[in-house]
């Protein structure tokens, strides 16, 4: 049973912009599968918006994935953006660890 959920929230008619939502456990044990699913779902799209909501568990591997997707933006998609809806406590942890999540 998957401990995370990935869905396509919206896709425009010509498949140029896609919105993907992730929920649940976003940890190293699922990171390869999550990455592959994001790339598969966004194939052929020019713009990808990733919404991260209702996180039950998260670790630095997921943050590294987000940064990697952003840095390789021109290789797999023209534009990538992400929005994380997390508790203030987690935002503080991100800042403390030195991650720059302006994605």
Foldseek 3Di string as FASTA:
>chain_A
DDQKDKDWPDADPVRAETEMEIEGEAEPVCPVVVLVVQLVVNAPYQEYEYEYDHYPYHDVSNVVSQVVCQVCCVVRHNYYYYDYDDDPVVVVVCVVVPHDRRD
